[in-house]
Amino acid sequence: LNLAVSHAGLFVLQGVFKVNTFSWARIRKLSFKRKKFLIKLHPEGYDAVEFSFESRNECKSFWKQCIEHHAFFRCQTAKSGCKSSKSSKNA
């Protein structure tokens, strides 16, 4: 099995076929411990799904990508008061 992260959520792939999708809205929590990657879902059928990685570093790297995507794509509103480093002072 392979895992993929995207704007829509997490995909579980077997070869070239997508066998499962976990949308960001369904995911409650993402965690890892050693080589185990855990997806905790909002209560509806599955409670949690666990995947094993080859190494701890691979697992942590994938977890990091997932939490960044999860936070970004679950964001409802833009933060007010945020300004870019190039402000309009020079205009």
N, C-alpha and C. Protein backbone atom coordinates (compact mmCIF):
# COMPACT_ATOMS: atom_id res chain seq x y z
N LEU A 1 0.84 -1.19 0.00
CA LEU A 1 0.00 0.00 0.00
C LEU A 1 0.88 1.24 0.00
N ASN A 2 0.36 2.28 -0.63
CA ASN A 2 1.03 3.58 -0.62
C ASN A 2 0.05 4.62 -0.09
N LEU A 3 0.59 5.65 0.55
CA LEU A 3 -0.21 6.76 1.04
C LEU A 3 0.18 8.01 0.28
N ALA A 4 -0.81 8.86 0.02
CA ALA A 4 -0.55 10.13 -0.67
C ALA A 4 -1.34 11.23 0.03
N VAL A 5 -0.74 12.40 0.12
CA VAL A 5 -1.40 13.56 0.72
C VAL A 5 -1.72 14.55 -0.39
N SER A 6 -2.92 15.14 -0.33
CA SER A 6 -3.32 16.12 -1.34
C SER A 6 -4.25 17.15 -0.72
N HIS A 7 -4.71 18.09 -1.55
CA HIS A 7 -5.63 19.11 -1.07
C HIS A 7 -6.95 18.50 -0.59
N ALA A 8 -7.32 17.35 -1.11
CA ALA A 8 -8.59 16.71 -0.76
C ALA A 8 -8.50 15.87 0.51
N GLY A 9 -7.31 15.44 0.88
CA GLY A 9 -7.14 14.59 2.06
C GLY A 9 -6.05 13.57 1.83
N LEU A 10 -6.18 12.42 2.47
CA LEU A 10 -5.21 11.34 2.33
C LEU A 10 -5.78 10.24 1.46
N PHE A 11 -4.97 9.76 0.53
CA PHE A 11 -5.37 8.67 -0.35
C PHE A 11 -4.58 7.42 0.01
N VAL A 12 -5.25 6.28 -0.02
CA VAL A 12 -4.60 4.99 0.14
C VAL A 12 -4.62 4.35 -1.24
N LEU A 13 -3.43 4.02 -1.75
CA LEU A 13 -3.29 3.48 -3.10
C LEU A 13 -2.73 2.07 -3.04
N GLN A 14 -3.24 1.23 -3.91
CA GLN A 14 -2.68 -0.11 -4.09
C GLN A 14 -2.32 -0.21 -5.56
N GLY A 15 -1.03 -0.10 -5.82
CA GLY A 15 -0.58 0.01 -7.21
C GLY A 15 -1.02 1.35 -7.76
N VAL A 16 -1.78 1.34 -8.84
CA VAL A 16 -2.27 2.59 -9.43
C VAL A 16 -3.73 2.86 -9.05
N PHE A 17 -4.32 1.97 -8.25
CA PHE A 17 -5.72 2.10 -7.88
C PHE A 17 -5.89 2.74 -6.51
N LYS A 18 -6.80 3.71 -6.43
CA LYS A 18 -7.12 4.35 -5.16
C LYS A 18 -8.13 3.45 -4.43
N VAL A 19 -7.75 2.94 -3.26
CA VAL A 19 -8.63 2.03 -2.53
C VAL A 19 -9.38 2.70 -1.39
N ASN A 20 -8.91 3.87 -0.95
CA ASN A 20 -9.61 4.59 0.11
C ASN A 20 -9.20 6.05 0.10
N THR A 21 -10.09 6.90 0.59
CA THR A 21 -9.83 8.33 0.71
C THR A 21 -10.29 8.77 2.09
N PHE A 22 -9.44 9.53 2.77
CA PHE A 22 -9.81 10.15 4.04
C PHE A 22 -9.80 11.65 3.81
N SER A 23 -10.98 12.27 3.72
CA SER A 23 -11.04 13.71 3.49
C SER A 23 -10.62 14.44 4.76
N TRP A 24 -10.13 15.67 4.59
CA TRP A 24 -9.69 16.45 5.75
C TRP A 24 -10.83 16.65 6.74
N ALA A 25 -12.05 16.77 6.26
CA ALA A 25 -13.20 16.97 7.14
C ALA A 25 -13.45 15.76 8.04
N ARG A 26 -13.12 14.56 7.56
CA ARG A 26 -13.33 13.33 8.35
C ARG A 26 -12.22 13.09 9.36
N ILE A 27 -11.06 13.69 9.15
CA ILE A 27 -9.89 13.42 10.01
C ILE A 27 -9.94 14.32 11.24
N ARG A 28 -9.90 13.69 12.39
CA ARG A 28 -9.91 14.41 13.67
C ARG A 28 -8.51 14.68 14.17
N LYS A 29 -7.61 13.68 14.02
CA LYS A 29 -6.25 13.81 14.56
C LYS A 29 -5.31 12.93 13.76
N LEU A 30 -4.08 13.43 13.57
CA LEU A 30 -3.01 12.67 12.92
C LEU A 30 -1.87 12.54 13.91
N SER A 31 -1.33 11.34 14.05
CA SER A 31 -0.21 11.16 14.98
C SER A 31 0.70 10.06 14.47
N PHE A 32 1.89 10.00 15.08
CA PHE A 32 2.82 8.92 14.76
C PHE A 32 3.57 8.54 16.02
N LYS A 33 3.95 7.29 16.07
CA LYS A 33 4.80 6.80 17.15
C LYS A 33 5.72 5.76 16.55
N ARG A 34 6.98 6.08 16.57
CA ARG A 34 8.01 5.26 15.93
C ARG A 34 7.68 5.08 14.45
N LYS A 35 7.38 3.87 14.02
CA LYS A 35 7.11 3.60 12.61
C LYS A 35 5.61 3.55 12.29
N LYS A 36 4.78 3.84 13.28
CA LYS A 36 3.33 3.74 13.11
C LYS A 36 2.72 5.12 12.88
N PHE A 37 1.92 5.25 11.82
CA PHE A 37 1.20 6.47 11.48
C PHE A 37 -0.28 6.22 11.74
N LEU A 38 -0.90 7.09 12.52
CA LEU A 38 -2.27 6.87 12.96
C LEU A 38 -3.18 8.00 12.50
N ILE A 39 -4.31 7.62 11.92
CA ILE A 39 -5.34 8.58 11.50
C ILE A 39 -6.56 8.33 12.39
N LYS A 40 -6.91 9.32 13.20
CA LYS A 40 -8.12 9.21 14.03
C LYS A 40 -9.22 9.99 13.32
N LEU A 41 -10.37 9.33 13.18
CA LEU A 41 -11.48 9.90 12.42
C LEU A 41 -12.61 10.35 13.33
N HIS A 42 -13.43 11.26 12.80
CA HIS A 42 -14.65 11.63 13.52
C HIS A 42 -15.54 10.39 13.56
N PRO A 43 -16.28 10.19 14.64
CA PRO A 43 -17.05 8.96 14.80
C PRO A 43 -18.07 8.73 13.68
N GLU A 44 -17.80 7.78 12.84
CA GLU A 44 -18.72 7.33 11.78
C GLU A 44 -18.09 6.09 11.14
N GLY A 45 -18.34 4.97 11.69
CA GLY A 45 -17.74 3.74 11.16
C GLY A 45 -16.39 3.48 11.79
N TYR A 46 -15.31 3.79 11.07
CA TYR A 46 -13.95 3.60 11.60
C TYR A 46 -13.69 4.60 12.71
N ASP A 47 -12.93 4.19 13.70
CA ASP A 47 -12.51 5.13 14.74
C ASP A 47 -11.10 5.59 14.46
N ALA A 48 -10.23 4.65 14.06
CA ALA A 48 -8.84 4.98 13.76
C ALA A 48 -8.28 3.96 12.77
N VAL A 49 -7.31 4.43 11.99
CA VAL A 49 -6.64 3.57 11.02
C VAL A 49 -5.14 3.74 11.22
N GLU A 50 -4.41 2.63 11.20
CA GLU A 50 -2.97 2.66 11.45
C GLU A 50 -2.21 2.10 10.25
N PHE A 51 -1.10 2.76 9.92
CA PHE A 51 -0.22 2.31 8.84
C PHE A 51 1.20 2.20 9.37
N SER A 52 1.96 1.26 8.82
CA SER A 52 3.36 1.07 9.22
C SER A 52 4.28 1.56 8.12
N PHE A 53 5.34 2.25 8.53
CA PHE A 53 6.35 2.75 7.61
C PHE A 53 7.64 1.96 7.78
N GLU A 54 8.54 2.10 6.83
CA GLU A 54 9.84 1.41 6.88
C GLU A 54 10.71 1.94 8.01
N SER A 55 10.66 3.28 8.23
CA SER A 55 11.51 3.87 9.26
C SER A 55 10.75 4.97 10.00
N ARG A 56 11.26 5.33 11.17
CA ARG A 56 10.68 6.40 11.96
C ARG A 56 10.75 7.72 11.22
N ASN A 57 11.88 7.99 10.55
CA ASN A 57 12.05 9.27 9.85
C ASN A 57 11.06 9.42 8.69
N GLU A 58 10.82 8.34 7.95
CA GLU A 58 9.82 8.38 6.88
C GLU A 58 8.44 8.67 7.45
N CYS A 59 8.12 8.03 8.55
CA CYS A 59 6.83 8.21 9.19
C CYS A 59 6.66 9.65 9.68
N LYS A 60 7.68 10.18 10.32
CA LYS A 60 7.61 11.55 10.83
C LYS A 60 7.50 12.55 9.69
N SER A 61 8.24 12.34 8.62
CA SER A 61 8.19 13.24 7.47
C SER A 61 6.79 13.26 6.85
N PHE A 62 6.19 12.08 6.68
CA PHE A 62 4.85 12.02 6.11
C PHE A 62 3.84 12.66 7.06
N TRP A 63 3.97 12.41 8.35
CA TRP A 63 3.09 13.01 9.35
C TRP A 63 3.16 14.53 9.30
N LYS A 64 4.38 15.05 9.16
CA LYS A 64 4.57 16.50 9.10
C LYS A 64 3.86 17.10 7.89
N GLN A 65 4.01 16.46 6.74
CA GLN A 65 3.32 16.92 5.54
C GLN A 65 1.81 16.91 5.75
N CYS A 66 1.33 15.86 6.37
CA CYS A 66 -0.11 15.71 6.59
C CYS A 66 -0.66 16.78 7.51
N ILE A 67 0.01 17.06 8.62
CA ILE A 67 -0.53 18.06 9.55
C ILE A 67 -0.49 19.45 8.93
N GLU A 68 0.52 19.74 8.11
CA GLU A 68 0.57 21.03 7.43
C GLU A 68 -0.59 21.16 6.45
N HIS A 69 -0.84 20.13 5.66
CA HIS A 69 -1.97 20.15 4.73
C HIS A 69 -3.30 20.22 5.49
N HIS A 70 -3.42 19.44 6.55
CA HIS A 70 -4.66 19.41 7.34
C HIS A 70 -4.97 20.79 7.90
N ALA A 71 -3.97 21.44 8.47
CA ALA A 71 -4.17 22.77 9.04
C ALA A 71 -4.53 23.78 7.95
N PHE A 72 -3.85 23.72 6.82
CA PHE A 72 -4.08 24.69 5.75
C PHE A 72 -5.46 24.50 5.11
N PHE A 73 -5.79 23.30 4.75
CA PHE A 73 -7.04 23.07 4.02
C PHE A 73 -8.26 23.03 4.92
N ARG A 74 -8.08 23.01 6.23
CA ARG A 74 -9.20 23.10 7.16
C ARG A 74 -9.42 24.54 7.62
N CYS A 75 -8.52 25.43 7.27
CA CYS A 75 -8.61 26.84 7.67
C CYS A 75 -9.87 27.46 7.06
N GLN A 76 -10.70 28.06 7.89
CA GLN A 76 -11.96 28.63 7.42
C GLN A 76 -11.83 30.09 6.98
N THR A 77 -11.03 30.87 7.71
CA THR A 77 -10.90 32.29 7.38
C THR A 77 -9.44 32.68 7.36
N ALA A 78 -9.17 33.74 6.63
CA ALA A 78 -7.82 34.29 6.61
C ALA A 78 -7.62 35.10 7.88
N LYS A 79 -6.41 35.09 8.39
CA LYS A 79 -6.12 35.87 9.59
C LYS A 79 -6.15 37.35 9.24
N SER A 80 -6.83 38.14 10.04
CA SER A 80 -6.85 39.57 9.79
C SER A 80 -5.63 40.20 10.43
N GLY A 81 -5.17 41.28 9.84
CA GLY A 81 -4.02 41.98 10.39
C GLY A 81 -2.69 41.44 9.93
N CYS A 82 -2.67 40.36 9.17
CA CYS A 82 -1.42 39.82 8.65
C CYS A 82 -0.98 40.66 7.46
N LYS A 83 0.27 41.05 7.47
CA LYS A 83 0.81 41.83 6.36
C LYS A 83 2.01 41.11 5.81
N SER A 84 2.19 41.22 4.53
CA SER A 84 3.36 40.60 3.92
C SER A 84 4.60 41.42 4.25
N SER A 85 5.76 40.84 3.99
CA SER A 85 7.01 41.54 4.30
C SER A 85 7.19 42.76 3.41
N LYS A 86 6.56 42.75 2.25
CA LYS A 86 6.60 43.92 1.37
C LYS A 86 5.29 44.67 1.54
N SER A 87 5.29 45.62 2.45
CA SER A 87 4.05 46.34 2.71
C SER A 87 3.88 47.46 1.69
N SER A 88 2.77 48.17 1.79
CA SER A 88 2.47 49.21 0.81
C SER A 88 3.09 50.56 1.17
N LYS A 89 4.08 50.60 2.07
CA LYS A 89 4.72 51.86 2.45
C LYS A 89 5.42 52.49 1.25
N ASN A 90 6.00 51.65 0.41
CA ASN A 90 6.78 52.16 -0.70
C ASN A 90 5.91 52.61 -1.87
N ALA A 91 4.63 52.42 -1.80
CA ALA A 91 3.76 52.77 -2.92
C ALA A 91 3.42 54.23 -2.93
